[in-house]
Amino acid sequence: MTVRLRPHHLLCMLTFVGEGYSPAFVVNYRRLAGRLSAGETIEIVSGPDDICAPLLADEAAHCFGVSVAGRDAAALADIAGLLGREVEIGTAIASDPALFEKMRQAFSAGVTRRACTGCEWSSLCDRIAGEDYADALVMKISRPEKEPETSARLRA
């Protein structure tokens, strides 16, 4: 199967930790996080996608807004630059750990954050990135634990 994502959700999925607009939204996103983590292919779509699905009954949902379309355009350009290839509506992207690691490094460095301007979730994403994505649910990365530091006095 394929997970359909609008361009800015390529960035949102990097920091998803189980918070969202409603309980139905979170349940749906958690399900999609599992599918992406299992390696399902991503298809880039225009407009509302599989993540938006629980919100679409509300005609005033931000998923239909002009500002969201602007976020999509910025994200599409940033992701294409990062990947070094054309990425457009209809593009299929393999969901793998190397891709997520590359995208997270760029996100942390601010390389792919233009789409985040004005987003209500930006501070949460900043925190998750600052914590090295430890609680992120999509393609979770196991980091080796750091060795405990010893003081110079104990080493002498």
N, C-alpha and C. Protein backbone atom coordinates (compact mmCIF):
# COMPACT_ATOMS: atom_id res chain seq x y z
N MET A 1 0.83 -1.19 0.00
CA MET A 1 0.00 0.00 0.00
C MET A 1 0.87 1.25 0.00
N THR A 2 0.24 2.36 -0.18
CA THR A 2 0.91 3.65 -0.24
C THR A 2 0.25 4.63 0.73
N VAL A 3 1.07 5.43 1.39
CA VAL A 3 0.57 6.49 2.26
C VAL A 3 0.62 7.78 1.44
N ARG A 4 -0.53 8.41 1.30
CA ARG A 4 -0.65 9.66 0.54
C ARG A 4 -0.38 10.83 1.47
N LEU A 5 0.66 11.63 1.15
CA LEU A 5 1.01 12.78 1.98
C LEU A 5 1.11 14.05 1.15
N ARG A 6 0.58 15.14 1.69
CA ARG A 6 0.80 16.45 1.08
C ARG A 6 2.22 16.85 1.45
N PRO A 7 2.85 17.72 0.69
CA PRO A 7 4.27 18.01 0.92
C PRO A 7 4.66 18.44 2.33
N HIS A 8 3.89 19.33 2.97
CA HIS A 8 4.36 19.77 4.30
C HIS A 8 4.25 18.66 5.35
N HIS A 9 3.43 17.65 5.09
CA HIS A 9 3.35 16.54 6.03
C HIS A 9 4.60 15.66 5.99
N LEU A 10 5.42 15.81 4.94
CA LEU A 10 6.73 15.14 4.94
C LEU A 10 7.58 15.66 6.09
N LEU A 11 7.36 16.91 6.47
CA LEU A 11 8.08 17.50 7.58
C LEU A 11 7.39 17.20 8.91
N CYS A 12 6.08 17.31 8.94
CA CYS A 12 5.32 17.08 10.17
C CYS A 12 5.55 15.67 10.72
N MET A 13 5.66 14.70 9.82
CA MET A 13 5.81 13.33 10.28
C MET A 13 7.13 13.10 11.01
N LEU A 14 8.10 13.96 10.79
CA LEU A 14 9.40 13.81 11.45
C LEU A 14 9.30 14.00 12.95
N THR A 15 8.35 14.82 13.39
CA THR A 15 8.25 15.17 14.82
C THR A 15 6.95 14.70 15.46
N PHE A 16 6.19 13.85 14.77
CA PHE A 16 4.92 13.39 15.36
C PHE A 16 5.20 12.53 16.58
N VAL A 17 4.61 12.95 17.72
CA VAL A 17 4.80 12.25 18.99
C VAL A 17 3.47 11.80 19.61
N GLY A 18 2.40 11.90 18.84
CA GLY A 18 1.11 11.46 19.35
C GLY A 18 0.19 12.57 19.78
N GLU A 19 0.49 13.80 19.39
CA GLU A 19 -0.40 14.93 19.70
C GLU A 19 -1.08 15.36 18.42
N GLY A 20 -2.27 15.95 18.54
CA GLY A 20 -2.97 16.38 17.35
C GLY A 20 -4.23 17.15 17.64
N TYR A 21 -5.01 17.36 16.60
CA TYR A 21 -6.19 18.21 16.66
C TYR A 21 -7.38 17.57 17.38
N SER A 22 -7.46 16.25 17.36
CA SER A 22 -8.58 15.55 17.99
C SER A 22 -8.16 14.11 18.25
N PRO A 23 -8.90 13.40 19.11
CA PRO A 23 -8.57 11.99 19.33
C PRO A 23 -8.60 11.16 18.04
N ALA A 24 -9.57 11.41 17.17
CA ALA A 24 -9.65 10.67 15.90
C ALA A 24 -8.43 10.97 15.02
N PHE A 25 -8.00 12.22 15.02
CA PHE A 25 -6.82 12.61 14.25
C PHE A 25 -5.59 11.85 14.75
N VAL A 26 -5.41 11.79 16.06
CA VAL A 26 -4.25 11.12 16.66
C VAL A 26 -4.28 9.62 16.36
N VAL A 27 -5.43 8.99 16.50
CA VAL A 27 -5.55 7.55 16.20
C VAL A 27 -5.16 7.28 14.74
N ASN A 28 -5.68 8.09 13.84
CA ASN A 28 -5.37 7.93 12.42
C ASN A 28 -3.88 8.13 12.17
N TYR A 29 -3.31 9.19 12.74
CA TYR A 29 -1.90 9.50 12.52
C TYR A 29 -1.00 8.39 13.08
N ARG A 30 -1.36 7.85 14.25
CA ARG A 30 -0.59 6.74 14.83
C ARG A 30 -0.61 5.53 13.89
N ARG A 31 -1.74 5.26 13.29
CA ARG A 31 -1.85 4.15 12.34
C ARG A 31 -0.95 4.41 11.14
N LEU A 32 -0.97 5.62 10.62
CA LEU A 32 -0.12 5.98 9.49
C LEU A 32 1.36 5.95 9.87
N ALA A 33 1.68 6.35 11.10
CA ALA A 33 3.06 6.30 11.58
C ALA A 33 3.58 4.86 11.54
N GLY A 34 2.73 3.94 11.93
CA GLY A 34 3.11 2.52 11.88
C GLY A 34 3.35 2.05 10.46
N ARG A 35 2.49 2.47 9.55
CA ARG A 35 2.65 2.07 8.15
C ARG A 35 3.92 2.65 7.56
N LEU A 36 4.19 3.93 7.85
CA LEU A 36 5.42 4.55 7.34
C LEU A 36 6.65 3.88 7.96
N SER A 37 6.60 3.59 9.24
CA SER A 37 7.72 2.94 9.91
C SER A 37 7.96 1.54 9.37
N ALA A 38 6.92 0.91 8.86
CA ALA A 38 7.05 -0.42 8.26
C ALA A 38 7.58 -0.35 6.84
N GLY A 39 7.76 0.86 6.32
CA GLY A 39 8.37 1.02 5.01
C GLY A 39 7.44 1.23 3.84
N GLU A 40 6.17 1.55 4.11
CA GLU A 40 5.26 1.81 2.99
C GLU A 40 5.72 3.01 2.19
N THR A 41 5.47 2.96 0.92
CA THR A 41 5.84 4.04 0.01
C THR A 41 4.99 5.28 0.28
N ILE A 42 5.60 6.44 0.10
CA ILE A 42 4.91 7.72 0.23
C ILE A 42 4.60 8.23 -1.16
N GLU A 43 3.36 8.65 -1.38
CA GLU A 43 2.98 9.31 -2.63
C GLU A 43 2.66 10.76 -2.30
N ILE A 44 3.29 11.69 -3.02
CA ILE A 44 3.05 13.11 -2.81
C ILE A 44 1.75 13.49 -3.51
N VAL A 45 0.83 14.12 -2.76
CA VAL A 45 -0.46 14.52 -3.31
C VAL A 45 -0.69 16.01 -3.09
N SER A 46 -1.61 16.55 -3.84
CA SER A 46 -2.00 17.94 -3.71
C SER A 46 -3.24 18.01 -2.83
N GLY A 47 -3.20 18.88 -1.84
CA GLY A 47 -4.37 19.06 -0.99
C GLY A 47 -4.45 18.03 0.12
N PRO A 48 -5.63 17.90 0.72
CA PRO A 48 -5.81 16.98 1.85
C PRO A 48 -5.34 15.57 1.53
N ASP A 49 -4.73 14.94 2.53
CA ASP A 49 -4.12 13.62 2.36
C ASP A 49 -4.62 12.65 3.41
N ASP A 50 -3.90 11.53 3.58
CA ASP A 50 -4.31 10.51 4.55
C ASP A 50 -4.25 11.03 5.99
N ILE A 51 -3.34 11.94 6.30
CA ILE A 51 -3.27 12.52 7.65
C ILE A 51 -4.47 13.43 7.91
N CYS A 52 -4.90 14.16 6.90
CA CYS A 52 -6.02 15.09 7.03
C CYS A 52 -7.38 14.40 7.18
N ALA A 53 -7.47 13.14 6.77
CA ALA A 53 -8.76 12.45 6.64
C ALA A 53 -9.75 12.68 7.78
N PRO A 54 -9.36 12.59 9.07
CA PRO A 54 -10.34 12.77 10.14
C PRO A 54 -10.89 14.19 10.26
N LEU A 55 -10.28 15.16 9.60
CA LEU A 55 -10.71 16.55 9.73
C LEU A 55 -11.58 17.02 8.57
N LEU A 56 -11.72 16.21 7.54
CA LEU A 56 -12.32 16.68 6.30
C LEU A 56 -13.84 16.88 6.33
N ALA A 57 -14.52 16.39 7.36
CA ALA A 57 -15.96 16.62 7.46
C ALA A 57 -16.26 18.09 7.77
N ASP A 58 -15.28 18.78 8.33
CA ASP A 58 -15.42 20.19 8.66
C ASP A 58 -14.97 21.03 7.47
N GLU A 59 -15.91 21.69 6.80
CA GLU A 59 -15.59 22.48 5.61
C GLU A 59 -14.64 23.63 5.92
N ALA A 60 -14.55 24.02 7.18
CA ALA A 60 -13.65 25.11 7.56
C ALA A 60 -12.28 24.59 8.03
N ALA A 61 -12.04 23.30 7.90
CA ALA A 61 -10.77 22.72 8.34
C ALA A 61 -9.60 23.42 7.63
N HIS A 62 -8.54 23.62 8.38
CA HIS A 62 -7.38 24.31 7.82
C HIS A 62 -6.76 23.55 6.64
N CYS A 63 -7.08 22.27 6.50
CA CYS A 63 -6.55 21.45 5.40
C CYS A 63 -6.88 22.03 4.03
N PHE A 64 -7.94 22.83 3.97
CA PHE A 64 -8.39 23.42 2.71
C PHE A 64 -7.87 24.84 2.51
N GLY A 65 -7.16 25.38 3.50
CA GLY A 65 -6.76 26.78 3.48
C GLY A 65 -5.64 27.14 2.53
N VAL A 66 -5.62 28.40 2.15
CA VAL A 66 -4.59 28.93 1.26
C VAL A 66 -3.22 28.88 1.93
N SER A 67 -3.16 29.17 3.23
CA SER A 67 -1.87 29.16 3.92
C SER A 67 -1.25 27.77 3.91
N VAL A 68 -2.07 26.74 3.96
CA VAL A 68 -1.56 25.37 3.94
C VAL A 68 -1.00 25.04 2.55
N ALA A 69 -1.64 25.55 1.51
CA ALA A 69 -1.11 25.35 0.16
C ALA A 69 0.26 26.02 0.03
N GLY A 70 0.44 27.16 0.66
CA GLY A 70 1.73 27.83 0.67
C GLY A 70 2.79 27.01 1.40
N ARG A 71 2.39 26.39 2.51
CA ARG A 71 3.31 25.51 3.24
C ARG A 71 3.72 24.33 2.37
N ASP A 72 2.75 23.81 1.63
CA ASP A 72 3.05 22.68 0.74
C ASP A 72 4.08 23.06 -0.32
N ALA A 73 3.92 24.23 -0.91
CA ALA A 73 4.85 24.68 -1.96
C ALA A 73 6.26 24.85 -1.39
N ALA A 74 6.37 25.46 -0.22
CA ALA A 74 7.68 25.65 0.41
C ALA A 74 8.31 24.31 0.76
N ALA A 75 7.52 23.40 1.32
CA ALA A 75 8.05 22.09 1.70
C ALA A 75 8.50 21.30 0.47
N LEU A 76 7.71 21.36 -0.59
CA LEU A 76 8.06 20.65 -1.81
C LEU A 76 9.41 21.11 -2.36
N ALA A 77 9.62 22.42 -2.39
CA ALA A 77 10.89 22.96 -2.88
C ALA A 77 12.05 22.57 -1.96
N ASP A 78 11.84 22.65 -0.65
CA ASP A 78 12.91 22.30 0.29
C ASP A 78 13.27 20.82 0.23
N ILE A 79 12.27 19.96 0.14
CA ILE A 79 12.52 18.51 0.07
C ILE A 79 13.22 18.16 -1.23
N ALA A 80 12.80 18.76 -2.34
CA ALA A 80 13.45 18.50 -3.63
C ALA A 80 14.92 18.91 -3.56
N GLY A 81 15.19 20.07 -2.96
CA GLY A 81 16.58 20.52 -2.81
C GLY A 81 17.39 19.57 -1.95
N LEU A 82 16.79 19.11 -0.87
CA LEU A 82 17.47 18.18 0.03
C LEU A 82 17.79 16.86 -0.66
N LEU A 83 16.82 16.34 -1.40
CA LEU A 83 17.00 15.05 -2.05
C LEU A 83 17.80 15.15 -3.35
N GLY A 84 17.95 16.38 -3.85
CA GLY A 84 18.72 16.57 -5.07
C GLY A 84 18.04 16.01 -6.31
N ARG A 85 16.72 16.02 -6.28
CA ARG A 85 15.95 15.55 -7.44
C ARG A 85 14.60 16.24 -7.45
N GLU A 86 13.95 16.18 -8.59
CA GLU A 86 12.63 16.78 -8.70
C GLU A 86 11.63 15.99 -7.87
N VAL A 87 10.86 16.69 -7.08
CA VAL A 87 9.79 16.09 -6.30
C VAL A 87 8.54 16.91 -6.61
N GLU A 88 7.51 16.24 -7.09
CA GLU A 88 6.28 16.93 -7.47
C GLU A 88 5.08 16.07 -7.12
N ILE A 89 3.91 16.59 -7.36
CA ILE A 89 2.69 15.84 -7.10
C ILE A 89 2.74 14.55 -7.93
N GLY A 90 2.48 13.44 -7.27
CA GLY A 90 2.54 12.14 -7.93
C GLY A 90 3.85 11.40 -7.71
N THR A 91 4.87 12.09 -7.21
CA THR A 91 6.15 11.44 -6.95
C THR A 91 5.99 10.40 -5.85
N ALA A 92 6.62 9.26 -6.04
CA ALA A 92 6.66 8.21 -5.01
C ALA A 92 8.03 8.27 -4.34
N ILE A 93 8.03 8.19 -3.03
CA ILE A 93 9.27 8.24 -2.26
C ILE A 93 9.31 7.01 -1.36
N ALA A 94 10.43 6.30 -1.39
CA ALA A 94 10.60 5.13 -0.52
C ALA A 94 10.73 5.60 0.92
N SER A 95 10.02 4.97 1.80
CA SER A 95 10.06 5.29 3.22
C SER A 95 11.09 4.38 3.88
N ASP A 96 12.28 4.94 4.16
CA ASP A 96 13.32 4.12 4.77
C ASP A 96 14.10 4.93 5.81
N PRO A 97 14.82 4.24 6.69
CA PRO A 97 15.54 4.94 7.76
C PRO A 97 16.53 5.98 7.26
N ALA A 98 17.22 5.72 6.17
CA ALA A 98 18.20 6.68 5.65
C ALA A 98 17.52 7.98 5.23
N LEU A 99 16.36 7.88 4.60
CA LEU A 99 15.59 9.07 4.21
C LEU A 99 15.19 9.87 5.44
N PHE A 100 14.65 9.20 6.43
CA PHE A 100 14.20 9.90 7.63
C PHE A 100 15.36 10.55 8.38
N GLU A 101 16.49 9.88 8.43
CA GLU A 101 17.66 10.45 9.09
C GLU A 101 18.12 11.71 8.36
N LYS A 102 18.18 11.65 7.05
CA LYS A 102 18.60 12.80 6.25
C LYS A 102 17.62 13.96 6.44
N MET A 103 16.32 13.65 6.42
CA MET A 103 15.31 14.69 6.59
C MET A 103 15.35 15.27 7.99
N ARG A 104 15.58 14.46 9.00
CA ARG A 104 15.66 14.98 10.38
C ARG A 104 16.88 15.86 10.58
N GLN A 105 18.00 15.48 10.00
CA GLN A 105 19.20 16.32 10.11
C GLN A 105 18.95 17.68 9.47
N ALA A 106 18.33 17.69 8.29
CA ALA A 106 18.04 18.96 7.60
C ALA A 106 17.02 19.78 8.39
N PHE A 107 16.03 19.12 8.95
CA PHE A 107 15.01 19.81 9.74
C PHE A 107 15.65 20.46 10.96
N SER A 108 16.49 19.72 11.66
CA SER A 108 17.17 20.25 12.85
C SER A 108 18.07 21.43 12.51
N ALA A 109 18.67 21.39 11.34
CA ALA A 109 19.56 22.46 10.90
C ALA A 109 18.80 23.66 10.33
N GLY A 110 17.48 23.53 10.20
CA GLY A 110 16.66 24.63 9.67
C GLY A 110 16.62 24.68 8.16
N VAL A 111 17.22 23.73 7.48
CA VAL A 111 17.29 23.71 6.03
C VAL A 111 15.91 23.54 5.39
N THR A 112 15.04 22.82 6.05
CA THR A 112 13.72 22.51 5.48
C THR A 112 12.58 23.07 6.34
N ARG A 113 12.77 24.22 6.94
CA ARG A 113 11.77 24.74 7.88
C ARG A 113 10.94 25.90 7.33
N ARG A 114 11.10 26.29 6.06
CA ARG A 114 10.32 27.41 5.54
C ARG A 114 8.82 27.15 5.65
N ALA A 115 8.41 25.91 5.47
CA ALA A 115 6.99 25.56 5.53
C ALA A 115 6.42 25.70 6.94
N CYS A 116 7.28 25.77 7.93
CA CYS A 116 6.84 25.83 9.32
C CYS A 116 6.49 27.24 9.80
N THR A 117 6.80 28.24 9.00
CA THR A 117 6.53 29.62 9.38
C THR A 117 5.04 29.81 9.66
N GLY A 118 4.72 30.26 10.86
CA GLY A 118 3.34 30.51 11.24
C GLY A 118 2.56 29.29 11.69
N CYS A 119 3.17 28.12 11.72
CA CYS A 119 2.46 26.90 12.12
C CYS A 119 2.28 26.86 13.63
N GLU A 120 1.09 26.50 14.07
CA GLU A 120 0.80 26.45 15.51
C GLU A 120 1.57 25.35 16.24
N TRP A 121 2.11 24.38 15.50
CA TRP A 121 2.83 23.27 16.10
C TRP A 121 4.34 23.50 16.13
N SER A 122 4.80 24.64 15.64
CA SER A 122 6.23 24.90 15.48
C SER A 122 7.03 24.74 16.77
N SER A 123 6.52 25.22 17.89
CA SER A 123 7.28 25.11 19.15
C SER A 123 7.39 23.65 19.60
N LEU A 124 6.35 22.86 19.38
CA LEU A 124 6.41 21.43 19.69
C LEU A 124 7.48 20.77 18.83
N CYS A 125 7.49 21.08 17.55
CA CYS A 125 8.47 20.50 16.63
C CYS A 125 9.88 20.91 17.01
N ASP A 126 10.05 22.17 17.42
CA ASP A 126 11.36 22.63 17.89
C ASP A 126 11.83 21.78 19.06
N ARG A 127 10.92 21.53 19.99
CA ARG A 127 11.27 20.75 21.18
C ARG A 127 11.64 19.32 20.80
N ILE A 128 10.86 18.69 19.96
CA ILE A 128 11.11 17.30 19.55
C ILE A 128 12.46 17.21 18.83
N ALA A 129 12.71 18.13 17.92
CA ALA A 129 14.00 18.15 17.21
C ALA A 129 15.15 18.38 18.20
N GLY A 130 14.93 19.26 19.16
CA GLY A 130 15.96 19.55 20.16
C GLY A 130 16.26 18.37 21.06
N GLU A 131 15.29 17.47 21.18
CA GLU A 131 15.48 16.25 21.98
C GLU A 131 15.92 15.08 21.10
N ASP A 132 16.43 15.39 19.93
CA ASP A 132 16.95 14.39 18.98
C ASP A 132 15.88 13.38 18.58
N TYR A 133 14.62 13.84 18.50
CA TYR A 133 13.50 13.03 17.99
C TYR A 133 13.26 11.77 18.83
N ALA A 134 13.65 11.81 20.10
CA ALA A 134 13.57 10.63 20.96
C ALA A 134 12.17 10.03 21.05
N ASP A 135 11.13 10.86 21.05
CA ASP A 135 9.77 10.34 21.20
C ASP A 135 8.99 10.31 19.88
N ALA A 136 9.65 10.62 18.77
CA ALA A 136 8.96 10.61 17.47
C ALA A 136 8.49 9.20 17.14
N LEU A 137 7.31 9.10 16.56
CA LEU A 137 6.68 7.80 16.32
C LEU A 137 6.86 7.27 14.90
N VAL A 138 7.27 8.11 13.98
CA VAL A 138 7.45 7.66 12.60
C VAL A 138 8.91 7.32 12.39
N MET A 139 9.17 6.09 11.99
CA MET A 139 10.53 5.61 11.72
C MET A 139 11.44 5.96 12.89
N LYS A 140 11.01 5.53 14.06
CA LYS A 140 11.75 5.83 15.29
C LYS A 140 13.18 5.32 15.19
N ILE A 141 14.11 6.15 15.62
CA ILE A 141 15.52 5.83 15.54
C ILE A 141 16.03 5.45 16.92
N SER A 142 16.71 4.34 16.99
CA SER A 142 17.33 3.95 18.26
C SER A 142 18.72 4.54 18.30
N ARG A 143 18.93 5.41 19.25
CA ARG A 143 20.25 6.02 19.43
C ARG A 143 21.00 5.25 20.51
N PRO A 144 22.29 5.01 20.28
CA PRO A 144 23.06 4.35 21.35
C PRO A 144 23.12 5.25 22.57
N GLU A 145 23.05 4.64 23.72
CA GLU A 145 23.12 5.43 24.95
C GLU A 145 24.54 5.93 25.13
N LYS A 146 24.65 7.14 25.64
CA LYS A 146 25.96 7.73 25.88
C LYS A 146 26.55 7.13 27.15
N GLU A 147 27.85 6.99 27.12
CA GLU A 147 28.55 6.48 28.31
C GLU A 147 28.48 7.54 29.39
N PRO A 148 28.29 7.13 30.62
CA PRO A 148 28.26 8.13 31.71
C PRO A 148 29.62 8.80 31.80
N GLU A 149 29.56 10.10 32.03
CA GLU A 149 30.81 10.86 32.16
C GLU A 149 31.37 10.66 33.56
N THR A 150 32.67 10.60 33.62
CA THR A 150 33.33 10.52 34.92
C THR A 150 34.13 11.78 35.14
N SER A 151 34.29 12.13 36.35
CA SER A 151 35.05 13.35 36.64
C SER A 151 36.53 13.05 36.52
N ALA A 152 37.31 14.08 36.31
CA ALA A 152 38.76 13.94 36.19
C ALA A 152 39.34 13.34 37.46
N ARG A 153 38.77 13.69 38.60
CA ARG A 153 39.29 13.19 39.88
C ARG A 153 39.13 11.67 39.97
N LEU A 154 38.00 11.12 39.46
CA LEU A 154 37.78 9.70 39.53
C LEU A 154 38.71 8.94 38.57
N ARG A 155 39.11 9.59 37.48
CA ARG A 155 39.97 8.93 36.51
C ARG A 155 41.44 8.93 36.95
N ALA A 156 41.80 9.78 37.87
CA ALA A 156 43.21 9.92 38.26
C ALA A 156 43.71 8.79 39.11
